[in-house]
Full PDB file with SEQRES, HELIX, SHEET, SSBOND, CRYST1, ORIGX, SCALE, CONECT and MASTER records, all heavy atoms in Angstrom:
SEQRES   1 A   33  ALA ALA LEU LEU LEU ALA VAL MET SER ARG LYS ASN PHE          
SEQRES   2 A   33  SER ARG TYR LYS GLU ASP GLY ILE PHE SER GLY ALA VAL          
SEQRES   3 A   33  VAL ARG ILE ARG ARG LEU LEU                                  
HELIX    1 AA1 ALA A    2  ALA A    6  1                                   5    
HELIX    2 AA2 ARG A   10  TYR A   16  1                                   7    
HELIX    3 AA3 SER A   23  LEU A   32  1                                  10    
CRYST1    1.000    1.000    1.000  90.00  90.00  90.00 P 1           1          
ORIGX1      1.000000  0.000000  0.000000        0.00000                         
ORIGX2      0.000000  1.000000  0.000000        0.00000                         
ORIGX3      0.000000  0.000000  1.000000        0.00000                         
SCALE1      1.000000  0.000000  0.000000        0.00000                         
SCALE2      0.000000  1.000000  0.000000        0.00000                         
SCALE3      0.000000  0.000000  1.000000        0.00000                         
ATOM      1  N   ALA A   1      -4.537 -12.999  -4.604  1.00  0.00           N  
ATOM      2  CA  ALA A   1      -3.783 -11.806  -4.202  1.00  0.00           C  
ATOM      3  C   ALA A   1      -4.199 -10.595  -5.024  1.00  0.00           C  
ATOM      4  O   ALA A   1      -4.364  -9.482  -4.494  1.00  0.00           O  
ATOM      5  CB  ALA A   1      -2.287 -12.060  -4.358  1.00  0.00           C  
ATOM      6  N   ALA A   2      -4.384 -10.803  -6.338  1.00  0.00           N  
ATOM      7  CA  ALA A   2      -4.807  -9.687  -7.185  1.00  0.00           C  
ATOM      8  C   ALA A   2      -6.200  -9.217  -6.819  1.00  0.00           C  
ATOM      9  O   ALA A   2      -6.485  -8.010  -6.788  1.00  0.00           O  
ATOM     10  CB  ALA A   2      -4.756 -10.121  -8.652  1.00  0.00           C  
ATOM     11  N   LEU A   3      -7.100 -10.147  -6.513  1.00  0.00           N  
ATOM     12  CA  LEU A   3      -8.458  -9.756  -6.117  1.00  0.00           C  
ATOM     13  C   LEU A   3      -8.461  -9.012  -4.780  1.00  0.00           C  
ATOM     14  O   LEU A   3      -9.245  -8.077  -4.582  1.00  0.00           O  
ATOM     15  CB  LEU A   3      -9.341 -11.003  -6.030  1.00  0.00           C  
ATOM     16  CG  LEU A   3      -9.706 -11.657  -7.373  1.00  0.00           C  
ATOM     17  CD1 LEU A   3     -10.478 -12.944  -7.155  1.00  0.00           C  
ATOM     18  CD2 LEU A   3     -10.526 -10.692  -8.230  1.00  0.00           C  
ATOM     19  N   LEU A   4      -7.580  -9.432  -3.859  1.00  0.00           N  
ATOM     20  CA  LEU A   4      -7.478  -8.711  -2.583  1.00  0.00           C  
ATOM     21  C   LEU A   4      -7.040  -7.268  -2.800  1.00  0.00           C  
ATOM     22  O   LEU A   4      -7.542  -6.342  -2.145  1.00  0.00           O  
ATOM     23  CB  LEU A   4      -6.496  -9.433  -1.658  1.00  0.00           C  
ATOM     24  CG  LEU A   4      -6.997 -10.739  -1.021  1.00  0.00           C  
ATOM     25  CD1 LEU A   4      -5.890 -11.402  -0.219  1.00  0.00           C  
ATOM     26  CD2 LEU A   4      -8.207 -10.463  -0.127  1.00  0.00           C  
ATOM     27  N   LEU A   5      -6.088  -7.068  -3.727  1.00  0.00           N  
ATOM     28  CA  LEU A   5      -5.694  -5.696  -4.057  1.00  0.00           C  
ATOM     29  C   LEU A   5      -6.863  -4.931  -4.667  1.00  0.00           C  
ATOM     30  O   LEU A   5      -7.060  -3.750  -4.389  1.00  0.00           O  
ATOM     31  CB  LEU A   5      -4.514  -5.712  -5.035  1.00  0.00           C  
ATOM     32  CG  LEU A   5      -3.147  -6.079  -4.470  1.00  0.00           C  
ATOM     33  CD1 LEU A   5      -2.115  -6.120  -5.588  1.00  0.00           C  
ATOM     34  CD2 LEU A   5      -2.703  -5.077  -3.414  1.00  0.00           C  
ATOM     35  N   ALA A   6      -7.639  -5.613  -5.518  1.00  0.00           N  
ATOM     36  CA  ALA A   6      -8.730  -4.940  -6.219  1.00  0.00           C  
ATOM     37  C   ALA A   6      -9.830  -4.490  -5.259  1.00  0.00           C  
ATOM     38  O   ALA A   6     -10.447  -3.438  -5.463  1.00  0.00           O  
ATOM     39  CB  ALA A   6      -9.305  -5.866  -7.287  1.00  0.00           C  
ATOM     40  N   VAL A   7     -10.101  -5.280  -4.202  1.00  0.00           N  
ATOM     41  CA  VAL A   7     -11.192  -4.935  -3.269  1.00  0.00           C  
ATOM     42  C   VAL A   7     -10.655  -4.318  -1.972  1.00  0.00           C  
ATOM     43  O   VAL A   7     -11.405  -4.134  -1.023  1.00  0.00           O  
ATOM     44  CB  VAL A   7     -12.031  -6.195  -2.951  1.00  0.00           C  
ATOM     45  CG1 VAL A   7     -12.619  -6.779  -4.220  1.00  0.00           C  
ATOM     46  CG2 VAL A   7     -11.191  -7.253  -2.229  1.00  0.00           C  
ATOM     47  N   MET A   8      -9.376  -4.001  -1.946  1.00  0.00           N  
ATOM     48  CA  MET A   8      -8.758  -3.468  -0.739  1.00  0.00           C  
ATOM     49  C   MET A   8      -9.394  -2.141  -0.336  1.00  0.00           C  
ATOM     50  O   MET A   8      -9.652  -1.262  -1.166  1.00  0.00           O  
ATOM     51  CB  MET A   8      -7.263  -3.282  -0.989  1.00  0.00           C  
ATOM     52  CG  MET A   8      -6.499  -2.660   0.146  1.00  0.00           C  
ATOM     53  SD  MET A   8      -4.744  -2.542  -0.279  1.00  0.00           S  
ATOM     54  CE  MET A   8      -4.815  -1.612  -1.807  1.00  0.00           C  
ATOM     55  N   SER A   9      -9.665  -1.981   0.951  1.00  0.00           N  
ATOM     56  CA  SER A   9     -10.220  -0.731   1.464  1.00  0.00           C  
ATOM     57  C   SER A   9      -9.088   0.214   1.861  1.00  0.00           C  
ATOM     58  O   SER A   9      -7.959  -0.204   2.102  1.00  0.00           O  
ATOM     59  CB  SER A   9     -11.108  -1.006   2.682  1.00  0.00           C  
ATOM     60  OG  SER A   9     -10.321  -1.499   3.764  1.00  0.00           O  
ATOM     61  N   ARG A  10      -9.415   1.486   1.942  1.00  0.00           N  
ATOM     62  CA  ARG A  10      -8.397   2.472   2.335  1.00  0.00           C  
ATOM     63  C   ARG A  10      -7.920   2.243   3.762  1.00  0.00           C  
ATOM     64  O   ARG A  10      -6.756   2.465   4.094  1.00  0.00           O  
ATOM     65  CB  ARG A  10      -8.967   3.877   2.177  1.00  0.00           C  
ATOM     66  CG  ARG A  10      -7.921   4.970   2.323  1.00  0.00           C  
ATOM     67  CD  ARG A  10      -8.554   6.320   2.149  1.00  0.00           C  
ATOM     68  NE  ARG A  10      -9.049   6.486   0.801  1.00  0.00           N  
ATOM     69  CZ  ARG A  10      -8.296   6.878  -0.224  1.00  0.00           C  
ATOM     70  NH1 ARG A  10      -7.007   7.104  -0.041  1.00  0.00           N  
ATOM     71  NH2 ARG A  10      -8.816   7.037  -1.417  1.00  0.00           N  
ATOM     72  N   LYS A  11      -8.822   1.747   4.597  1.00  0.00           N  
ATOM     73  CA  LYS A  11      -8.454   1.505   5.989  1.00  0.00           C  
ATOM     74  C   LYS A  11      -7.386   0.418   6.076  1.00  0.00           C  
ATOM     75  O   LYS A  11      -6.384   0.557   6.776  1.00  0.00           O  
ATOM     76  CB  LYS A  11      -9.696   1.104   6.783  1.00  0.00           C  
ATOM     77  CG  LYS A  11      -9.400   0.792   8.250  1.00  0.00           C  
ATOM     78  CD  LYS A  11     -10.676   0.405   8.967  1.00  0.00           C  
ATOM     79  CE  LYS A  11     -10.387   0.079  10.433  1.00  0.00           C  
ATOM     80  NZ  LYS A  11     -11.633  -0.334  11.149  1.00  0.00           N  
ATOM     81  N   ASN A  12      -7.605  -0.669   5.350  1.00  0.00           N  
ATOM     82  CA  ASN A  12      -6.615  -1.757   5.376  1.00  0.00           C  
ATOM     83  C   ASN A  12      -5.310  -1.336   4.751  1.00  0.00           C  
ATOM     84  O   ASN A  12      -4.223  -1.721   5.200  1.00  0.00           O  
ATOM     85  CB  ASN A  12      -7.175  -2.985   4.645  1.00  0.00           C  
ATOM     86  CG  ASN A  12      -8.289  -3.650   5.435  1.00  0.00           C  
ATOM     87  OD1 ASN A  12      -8.310  -3.602   6.655  1.00  0.00           O  
ATOM     88  ND2 ASN A  12      -9.234  -4.255   4.717  1.00  0.00           N  
ATOM     89  N   PHE A  13      -5.391  -0.514   3.686  1.00  0.00           N  
ATOM     90  CA  PHE A  13      -4.162  -0.046   3.055  1.00  0.00           C  
ATOM     91  C   PHE A  13      -3.372   0.836   4.017  1.00  0.00           C  
ATOM     92  O   PHE A  13      -2.153   0.726   4.122  1.00  0.00           O  
ATOM     93  CB  PHE A  13      -4.486   0.728   1.778  1.00  0.00           C  
ATOM     94  CG  PHE A  13      -3.281   1.312   1.118  1.00  0.00           C  
ATOM     95  CD1 PHE A  13      -2.424   0.519   0.368  1.00  0.00           C  
ATOM     96  CD2 PHE A  13      -2.978   2.661   1.251  1.00  0.00           C  
ATOM     97  CE1 PHE A  13      -1.300   1.048  -0.222  1.00  0.00           C  
ATOM     98  CE2 PHE A  13      -1.859   3.200   0.664  1.00  0.00           C  
ATOM     99  CZ  PHE A  13      -1.020   2.391  -0.081  1.00  0.00           C  
ATOM    100  N   SER A  14      -4.051   1.735   4.736  1.00  0.00           N  
ATOM    101  CA  SER A  14      -3.364   2.633   5.677  1.00  0.00           C  
ATOM    102  C   SER A  14      -2.680   1.849   6.791  1.00  0.00           C  
ATOM    103  O   SER A  14      -1.641   2.248   7.302  1.00  0.00           O  
ATOM    104  CB  SER A  14      -4.368   3.622   6.276  1.00  0.00           C  
ATOM    105  OG  SER A  14      -4.970   4.398   5.261  1.00  0.00           O  
ATOM    106  N   ARG A  15      -3.245   0.710   7.139  1.00  0.00           N  
ATOM    107  CA  ARG A  15      -2.702  -0.087   8.242  1.00  0.00           C  
ATOM    108  C   ARG A  15      -1.341  -0.683   7.888  1.00  0.00           C  
ATOM    109  O   ARG A  15      -0.470  -0.830   8.735  1.00  0.00           O  
ATOM    110  CB  ARG A  15      -3.688  -1.191   8.602  1.00  0.00           C  
ATOM    111  CG  ARG A  15      -3.280  -2.026   9.810  1.00  0.00           C  
ATOM    112  CD  ARG A  15      -4.308  -3.125  10.040  1.00  0.00           C  
ATOM    113  NE  ARG A  15      -5.638  -2.558  10.204  1.00  0.00           N  
ATOM    114  CZ  ARG A  15      -6.755  -3.279  10.231  1.00  0.00           C  
ATOM    115  NH1 ARG A  15      -6.691  -4.598  10.102  1.00  0.00           N  
ATOM    116  NH2 ARG A  15      -7.922  -2.696  10.376  1.00  0.00           N  
ATOM    117  N   TYR A  16      -1.160  -1.032   6.591  1.00  0.00           N  
ATOM    118  CA  TYR A  16       0.060  -1.740   6.180  1.00  0.00           C  
ATOM    119  C   TYR A  16       0.997  -0.904   5.313  1.00  0.00           C  
ATOM    120  O   TYR A  16       2.012  -1.407   4.863  1.00  0.00           O  
ATOM    121  CB  TYR A  16      -0.315  -3.013   5.413  1.00  0.00           C  
ATOM    122  CG  TYR A  16      -1.095  -4.003   6.223  1.00  0.00           C  
ATOM    123  CD1 TYR A  16      -2.460  -4.171   5.994  1.00  0.00           C  
ATOM    124  CD2 TYR A  16      -0.484  -4.754   7.218  1.00  0.00           C  
ATOM    125  CE1 TYR A  16      -3.201  -5.091   6.737  1.00  0.00           C  
ATOM    126  CE2 TYR A  16      -1.212  -5.664   7.960  1.00  0.00           C  
ATOM    127  CZ  TYR A  16      -2.572  -5.827   7.722  1.00  0.00           C  
ATOM    128  OH  TYR A  16      -3.285  -6.716   8.446  1.00  0.00           O  
ATOM    129  N   LYS A  17       0.667   0.335   5.062  1.00  0.00           N  
ATOM    130  CA  LYS A  17       1.446   1.094   4.081  1.00  0.00           C  
ATOM    131  C   LYS A  17       2.851   1.438   4.579  1.00  0.00           C  
ATOM    132  O   LYS A  17       3.753   1.630   3.760  1.00  0.00           O  
ATOM    133  CB  LYS A  17       0.720   2.389   3.713  1.00  0.00           C  
ATOM    134  CG  LYS A  17       0.600   3.377   4.835  1.00  0.00           C  
ATOM    135  CD  LYS A  17      -0.094   4.630   4.386  1.00  0.00           C  
ATOM    136  CE  LYS A  17      -0.239   5.584   5.567  1.00  0.00           C  
ATOM    137  NZ  LYS A  17       0.138   6.916   5.251  1.00  0.00           N  
ATOM    138  N   GLU A  18       3.070   1.531   5.877  1.00  0.00           N  
ATOM    139  CA  GLU A  18       4.381   1.923   6.376  1.00  0.00           C  
ATOM    140  C   GLU A  18       5.289   0.727   6.621  1.00  0.00           C  
ATOM    141  O   GLU A  18       6.445   0.741   6.242  1.00  0.00           O  
ATOM    142  CB  GLU A  18       4.225   2.726   7.685  1.00  0.00           C  
ATOM    143  CG  GLU A  18       3.524   4.065   7.494  1.00  0.00           C  
ATOM    144  CD  GLU A  18       4.299   4.997   6.591  1.00  0.00           C  
ATOM    145  OE1 GLU A  18       5.528   4.811   6.439  1.00  0.00           O  
ATOM    146  OE2 GLU A  18       3.682   5.914   6.015  1.00  0.00           O  
ATOM    147  N   ASP A  19       4.759  -0.317   7.251  1.00  0.00           N  
ATOM    148  CA  ASP A  19       5.598  -1.450   7.636  1.00  0.00           C  
ATOM    149  C   ASP A  19       5.220  -2.738   6.922  1.00  0.00           C  
ATOM    150  O   ASP A  19       5.865  -3.758   7.114  1.00  0.00           O  
ATOM    151  CB  ASP A  19       5.494  -1.698   9.154  1.00  0.00           C  
ATOM    152  CG  ASP A  19       5.929  -0.477   9.945  1.00  0.00           C  
ATOM    153  OD1 ASP A  19       6.900   0.161   9.517  1.00  0.00           O  
ATOM    154  OD2 ASP A  19       5.286  -0.166  10.957  1.00  0.00           O  
ATOM    155  N   GLY A  20       4.198  -2.704   6.096  1.00  0.00           N  
ATOM    156  CA  GLY A  20       3.729  -3.921   5.463  1.00  0.00           C  
ATOM    157  C   GLY A  20       4.318  -4.136   4.085  1.00  0.00           C  
ATOM    158  O   GLY A  20       5.386  -3.627   3.724  1.00  0.00           O  
ATOM    159  N   ILE A  21       3.559  -4.878   3.272  1.00  0.00           N  
ATOM    160  CA  ILE A  21       4.056  -5.262   1.951  1.00  0.00           C  
ATOM    161  C   ILE A  21       4.103  -4.086   0.988  1.00  0.00           C  
ATOM    162  O   ILE A  21       4.740  -4.153  -0.059  1.00  0.00           O  
ATOM    163  CB  ILE A  21       3.164  -6.382   1.361  1.00  0.00           C  
ATOM    164  CG1 ILE A  21       1.705  -5.898   1.275  1.00  0.00           C  
ATOM    165  CG2 ILE A  21       3.244  -7.643   2.204  1.00  0.00           C  
ATOM    166  CD1 ILE A  21       0.796  -6.904   0.612  1.00  0.00           C  
ATOM    167  N   PHE A  22       3.406  -2.991   1.320  1.00  0.00           N  
ATOM    168  CA  PHE A  22       3.361  -1.846   0.409  1.00  0.00           C  
ATOM    169  C   PHE A  22       4.444  -0.811   0.708  1.00  0.00           C  
ATOM    170  O   PHE A  22       4.565   0.170  -0.029  1.00  0.00           O  
ATOM    171  CB  PHE A  22       1.995  -1.149   0.503  1.00  0.00           C  
ATOM    172  CG  PHE A  22       0.828  -2.074   0.346  1.00  0.00           C  
ATOM    173  CD1 PHE A  22       0.040  -2.409   1.428  1.00  0.00           C  
ATOM    174  CD2 PHE A  22       0.534  -2.620  -0.891  1.00  0.00           C  
ATOM    175  CE1 PHE A  22      -1.036  -3.263   1.277  1.00  0.00           C  
ATOM    176  CE2 PHE A  22      -0.536  -3.479  -1.046  1.00  0.00           C  
ATOM    177  CZ  PHE A  22      -1.327  -3.802   0.038  1.00  0.00           C  
ATOM    178  N   SER A  23       5.196  -0.991   1.781  1.00  0.00           N  
ATOM    179  CA  SER A  23       6.058   0.082   2.266  1.00  0.00           C  
ATOM    180  C   SER A  23       7.085   0.529   1.224  1.00  0.00           C  
ATOM    181  O   SER A  23       7.284   1.732   1.012  1.00  0.00           O  
ATOM    182  CB  SER A  23       6.769  -0.363   3.548  1.00  0.00           C  
ATOM    183  OG  SER A  23       7.523  -1.547   3.309  1.00  0.00           O  
ATOM    184  N   GLY A  24       7.757  -0.423   0.578  1.00  0.00           N  
ATOM    185  CA  GLY A  24       8.788  -0.057  -0.405  1.00  0.00           C  
ATOM    186  C   GLY A  24       8.225   0.756  -1.550  1.00  0.00           C  
ATOM    187  O   GLY A  24       8.802   1.772  -1.958  1.00  0.00           O  
ATOM    188  N   ALA A  25       7.072   0.318  -2.077  1.00  0.00           N  
ATOM    189  CA  ALA A  25       6.465   1.047  -3.191  1.00  0.00           C  
ATOM    190  C   ALA A  25       5.978   2.420  -2.743  1.00  0.00           C  
ATOM    191  O   ALA A  25       6.086   3.401  -3.490  1.00  0.00           O  
ATOM    192  CB  ALA A  25       5.318   0.228  -3.777  1.00  0.00           C  
ATOM    193  N   VAL A  26       5.433   2.514  -1.515  1.00  0.00           N  
ATOM    194  CA  VAL A  26       4.931   3.811  -1.027  1.00  0.00           C  
ATOM    195  C   VAL A  26       6.072   4.806  -0.885  1.00  0.00           C  
ATOM    196  O   VAL A  26       5.927   5.991  -1.223  1.00  0.00           O  
ATOM    197  CB  VAL A  26       4.193   3.611   0.312  1.00  0.00           C  
ATOM    198  CG1 VAL A  26       3.865   4.960   0.948  1.00  0.00           C  
ATOM    199  CG2 VAL A  26       2.916   2.816   0.096  1.00  0.00           C  
ATOM    200  N   VAL A  27       7.211   4.349  -0.393  1.00  0.00           N  
ATOM    201  CA  VAL A  27       8.371   5.243  -0.257  1.00  0.00           C  
ATOM    202  C   VAL A  27       8.802   5.782  -1.612  1.00  0.00           C  
ATOM    203  O   VAL A  27       9.088   6.975  -1.770  1.00  0.00           O  
ATOM    204  CB  VAL A  27       9.539   4.490   0.430  1.00  0.00           C  
ATOM    205  CG1 VAL A  27      10.826   5.314   0.358  1.00  0.00           C  
ATOM    206  CG2 VAL A  27       9.189   4.195   1.875  1.00  0.00           C  
ATOM    207  N   ARG A  28       8.834   4.905  -2.631  1.00  0.00           N  
ATOM    208  CA  ARG A  28       9.224   5.350  -3.971  1.00  0.00           C  
ATOM    209  C   ARG A  28       8.214   6.347  -4.538  1.00  0.00           C  
ATOM    210  O   ARG A  28       8.592   7.352  -5.148  1.00  0.00           O  
ATOM    211  CB  ARG A  28       9.355   4.136  -4.896  1.00  0.00           C  
ATOM    212  CG  ARG A  28       9.705   4.514  -6.329  1.00  0.00           C  
ATOM    213  CD  ARG A  28      10.065   3.297  -7.161  1.00  0.00           C  
ATOM    214  NE  ARG A  28      10.294   3.636  -8.550  1.00  0.00           N  
ATOM    215  CZ  ARG A  28      11.390   4.200  -9.023  1.00  0.00           C  
ATOM    216  NH1 ARG A  28      12.378   4.472  -8.184  1.00  0.00           N  
ATOM    217  NH2 ARG A  28      11.531   4.465 -10.303  1.00  0.00           N  
ATOM    218  N   ILE A  29       6.931   6.080  -4.343  1.00  0.00           N  
ATOM    219  CA  ILE A  29       5.897   6.988  -4.842  1.00  0.00           C  
ATOM    220  C   ILE A  29       6.002   8.342  -4.153  1.00  0.00           C  
ATOM    221  O   ILE A  29       5.883   9.397  -4.782  1.00  0.00           O  
ATOM    222  CB  ILE A  29       4.499   6.367  -4.641  1.00  0.00           C  
ATOM    223  CG1 ILE A  29       4.332   5.155  -5.566  1.00  0.00           C  
ATOM    224  CG2 ILE A  29       3.403   7.387  -4.904  1.00  0.00           C  
ATOM    225  CD1 ILE A  29       3.070   4.364  -5.306  1.00  0.00           C  
ATOM    226  N   ARG A  30       6.252   8.331  -2.820  1.00  0.00           N  
ATOM    227  CA  ARG A  30       6.398   9.593  -2.091  1.00  0.00           C  
ATOM    228  C   ARG A  30       7.583  10.400  -2.627  1.00  0.00           C  
ATOM    229  O   ARG A  30       7.496  11.619  -2.796  1.00  0.00           O  
ATOM    230  CB  ARG A  30       6.596   9.313  -0.605  1.00  0.00           C  
ATOM    231  CG  ARG A  30       6.689  10.596   0.237  1.00  0.00           C  
ATOM    232  CD  ARG A  30       7.047  10.297   1.682  1.00  0.00           C  
ATOM    233  NE  ARG A  30       5.970   9.596   2.358  1.00  0.00           N  
ATOM    234  CZ  ARG A  30       6.056   8.359   2.810  1.00  0.00           C  
ATOM    235  NH1 ARG A  30       7.182   7.673   2.637  1.00  0.00           N  
ATOM    236  NH2 ARG A  30       5.040   7.788   3.424  1.00  0.00           N  
ATOM    237  N   ARG A  31       8.685   9.694  -2.934  1.00  0.00           N  
ATOM    238  CA  ARG A  31       9.864  10.387  -3.454  1.00  0.00           C  
ATOM    239  C   ARG A  31       9.585  11.010  -4.824  1.00  0.00           C  
ATOM    240  O   ARG A  31       9.982  12.141  -5.102  1.00  0.00           O  
ATOM    241  CB  ARG A  31      11.032   9.396  -3.551  1.00  0.00           C  
ATOM    242  CG  ARG A  31      12.372  10.061  -3.901  1.00  0.00           C  
ATOM    243  CD  ARG A  31      13.489   9.040  -4.043  1.00  0.00           C  
ATOM    244  NE  ARG A  31      13.636   8.251  -2.855  1.00  0.00           N  
ATOM    245  CZ  ARG A  31      13.437   6.942  -2.774  1.00  0.00           C  
ATOM    246  NH1 ARG A  31      13.073   6.271  -3.859  1.00  0.00           N  
ATOM    247  NH2 ARG A  31      13.597   6.287  -1.654  1.00  0.00           N  
ATOM    248  N   LEU A  32       8.882  10.274  -5.670  1.00  0.00           N  
ATOM    249  CA  LEU A  32       8.558  10.802  -6.989  1.00  0.00           C  
ATOM    250  C   LEU A  32       7.582  11.974  -6.912  1.00  0.00           C  
ATOM    251  O   LEU A  32       7.723  12.964  -7.635  1.00  0.00           O  
ATOM    252  CB  LEU A  32       7.970   9.691  -7.859  1.00  0.00           C  
ATOM    253  CG  LEU A  32       8.935   8.566  -8.262  1.00  0.00           C  
ATOM    254  CD1 LEU A  32       8.189   7.446  -8.964  1.00  0.00           C  
ATOM    255  CD2 LEU A  32      10.044   9.105  -9.164  1.00  0.00           C  
ATOM    256  N   LEU A  33       6.600  11.869  -6.039  1.00  0.00           N  
ATOM    257  CA  LEU A  33       5.629  12.964  -5.902  1.00  0.00           C  
ATOM    258  C   LEU A  33       6.271  14.225  -5.330  1.00  0.00           C  
ATOM    259  O   LEU A  33       5.986  15.338  -5.778  1.00  0.00           O  
ATOM    260  CB  LEU A  33       4.464  12.518  -5.000  1.00  0.00           C  
ATOM    261  CG  LEU A  33       3.456  11.549  -5.625  1.00  0.00           C  
ATOM    262  CD1 LEU A  33       2.485  11.042  -4.573  1.00  0.00           C  
ATOM    263  CD2 LEU A  33       2.686  12.250  -6.747  1.00  0.00           C  
TER     264      LEU A  33                                                      
MASTER        0    0    0    3    0    0    0    6  263    1    0    3          
END                                                                             
């Protein structure tokens, strides 16, 4: 899992950032920014 994060492409990240495993963290980062 850590290696998948390390080699993750921007395209794959964009695909899952709203509804996937990253959504909660992305919302918090957006609020802080």
